[in-house]
Amino acid sequence: MTGGNEVGCRPDQLISPKDVIIDKDRDTLIICDSINKRIVQWPRRNGKNGETIISNVGCCGLAIDDNGSLYIV
């Protein structure tokens, strides 16, 4: 999926993805990348790079409610 199957901290890489959810309203994947301490958002189609939407955060799980609010565990 990312970075040619290599781990890392670039926008096109993950080190330790712990959870992934689908944001149907934005048609994106939201991924908890725990070692990089970030939450990234990737387009579900033709995504070449993720976008960090929250940085410097510890995470092990994600949830999104019906209003689109994101919860980080």
C-alpha atoms as a PDB file:
ATOM      1  CA  MET A   1       0.000   0.000   0.000  1.00  0.00           C
ATOM      2  CA  THR A   2       2.676   2.519   0.912  1.00  0.00           C
ATOM      3  CA  GLY A   3       6.257   3.378   0.103  1.00  0.00           C
ATOM      4  CA  GLY A   4       6.996   0.278  -1.951  1.00  0.00           C
ATOM      5  CA  ASN A   5       6.444  -1.941   1.106  1.00  0.00           C
ATOM      6  CA  GLU A   6       9.212  -0.217   3.056  1.00  0.00           C
ATOM      7  CA  VAL A   7       8.718   1.165   6.531  1.00  0.00           C
ATOM      8  CA  GLY A   8       9.626   4.743   7.335  1.00  0.00           C
ATOM      9  CA  CYS A   9       8.503   8.214   8.298  1.00  0.00           C
ATOM     10  CA  ARG A  10       8.005   9.804   4.876  1.00  0.00           C
ATOM     11  CA  PRO A  11       4.458  10.800   3.871  1.00  0.00           C
ATOM     12  CA  ASP A  12       4.258   7.677   1.664  1.00  0.00           C
ATOM     13  CA  GLN A  13       5.357   5.308   4.450  1.00  0.00           C
ATOM     14  CA  LEU A  14       4.154   3.851   7.739  1.00  0.00           C
ATOM     15  CA  ILE A  15       6.137   2.186  10.518  1.00  0.00           C
ATOM     16  CA  SER A  16       3.610   0.615  12.833  1.00  0.00           C
ATOM     17  CA  PRO A  17      -0.005   1.002  11.720  1.00  0.00           C
ATOM     18  CA  LYS A  18      -2.198  -0.044  14.655  1.00  0.00           C
ATOM     19  CA  ASP A  19      -5.681   0.700  13.296  1.00  0.00           C
ATOM     20  CA  VAL A  20      -7.395   1.828  10.113  1.00  0.00           C
ATOM     21  CA  ILE A  21     -10.906   3.129   9.562  1.00  0.00           C
ATOM     22  CA  ILE A  22     -12.791   4.269   6.481  1.00  0.00           C
ATOM     23  CA  ASP A  23     -14.182   7.784   6.364  1.00  0.00           C
ATOM     24  CA  LYS A  24     -17.015   7.244   3.886  1.00  0.00           C
ATOM     25  CA  ASP A  25     -17.885  10.959   3.683  1.00  0.00           C
ATOM     26  CA  ARG A  26     -14.380  11.875   2.495  1.00  0.00           C
ATOM     27  CA  ASP A  27     -13.676   8.521   0.784  1.00  0.00           C
ATOM     28  CA  THR A  28     -10.415   8.165   2.706  1.00  0.00           C
ATOM     29  CA  LEU A  29      -8.604   5.754   4.972  1.00  0.00           C
ATOM     30  CA  ILE A  30      -7.551   7.103   8.366  1.00  0.00           C
ATOM     31  CA  ILE A  31      -4.580   5.263   9.842  1.00  0.00           C
ATOM     32  CA  CYS A  32      -3.074   5.296  13.321  1.00  0.00           C
ATOM     33  CA  ASP A  33       0.719   5.093  12.745  1.00  0.00           C
ATOM     34  CA  SER A  34       1.846   4.598  16.332  1.00  0.00           C
ATOM     35  CA  ILE A  35       5.654   4.691  16.147  1.00  0.00           C
ATOM     36  CA  ASN A  36       5.566   7.788  13.929  1.00  0.00           C
ATOM     37  CA  LYS A  37       3.109   9.279  16.467  1.00  0.00           C
ATOM     38  CA  ARG A  38       0.686  10.485  13.828  1.00  0.00           C
ATOM     39  CA  ILE A  39      -2.732   9.987  12.313  1.00  0.00           C
ATOM     40  CA  VAL A  40      -2.614   9.966   8.522  1.00  0.00           C
ATOM     41  CA  GLN A  41      -5.345  10.191   5.938  1.00  0.00           C
ATOM     42  CA  TRP A  42      -5.049   8.447   2.567  1.00  0.00           C
ATOM     43  CA  PRO A  43      -7.354   8.655  -0.438  1.00  0.00           C
ATOM     44  CA  ARG A  44      -9.015   5.273  -1.003  1.00  0.00           C
ATOM     45  CA  ARG A  45      -8.347   5.492  -4.725  1.00  0.00           C
ATOM     46  CA  ASN A  46      -5.040   6.390  -6.356  1.00  0.00           C
ATOM     47  CA  GLY A  47      -3.426   7.489  -3.110  1.00  0.00           C
ATOM     48  CA  LYS A  48       0.316   7.983  -3.467  1.00  0.00           C
ATOM     49  CA  ASN A  49       0.939   9.946  -0.281  1.00  0.00           C
ATOM     50  CA  GLY A  50      -0.779  10.191   3.030  1.00  0.00           C
ATOM     51  CA  GLU A  51      -1.510  13.484   4.708  1.00  0.00           C
ATOM     52  CA  THR A  52      -0.753  13.852   8.401  1.00  0.00           C
ATOM     53  CA  ILE A  53      -3.933  15.160   9.988  1.00  0.00           C
ATOM     54  CA  ILE A  54      -2.745  14.899  13.617  1.00  0.00           C
ATOM     55  CA  SER A  55       0.907  14.809  14.649  1.00  0.00           C
ATOM     56  CA  ASN A  56       2.748  14.046  17.880  1.00  0.00           C
ATOM     57  CA  VAL A  57      -0.006  11.814  19.230  1.00  0.00           C
ATOM     58  CA  GLY A  58       0.142   8.363  20.764  1.00  0.00           C
ATOM     59  CA  CYS A  59      -2.500   6.045  19.378  1.00  0.00           C
ATOM     60  CA  CYS A  60      -3.572   2.429  19.295  1.00  0.00           C
ATOM     61  CA  GLY A  61      -7.126   2.727  18.015  1.00  0.00           C
ATOM     62  CA  LEU A  62      -9.509   4.941  16.057  1.00  0.00           C
ATOM     63  CA  ALA A  63     -13.252   5.449  15.755  1.00  0.00           C
ATOM     64  CA  ILE A  64     -15.466   7.841  13.841  1.00  0.00           C
ATOM     65  CA  ASP A  65     -19.057   8.648  14.767  1.00  0.00           C
ATOM     66  CA  ASP A  66     -22.076   9.455  12.596  1.00  0.00           C
ATOM     67  CA  ASN A  67     -21.258  13.173  12.789  1.00  0.00           C
ATOM     68  CA  GLY A  68     -17.738  12.619  11.430  1.00  0.00           C
ATOM     69  CA  SER A  69     -15.973  13.231  14.751  1.00  0.00           C
ATOM     70  CA  LEU A  70     -12.731  11.281  15.051  1.00  0.00           C
ATOM     71  CA  TYR A  71     -11.847   9.562  18.343  1.00  0.00           C
ATOM     72  CA  ILE A  72      -8.302   8.442  19.159  1.00  0.00           C
ATOM     73  CA  VAL A  73      -7.467   5.822  21.768  1.00  0.00           C
END
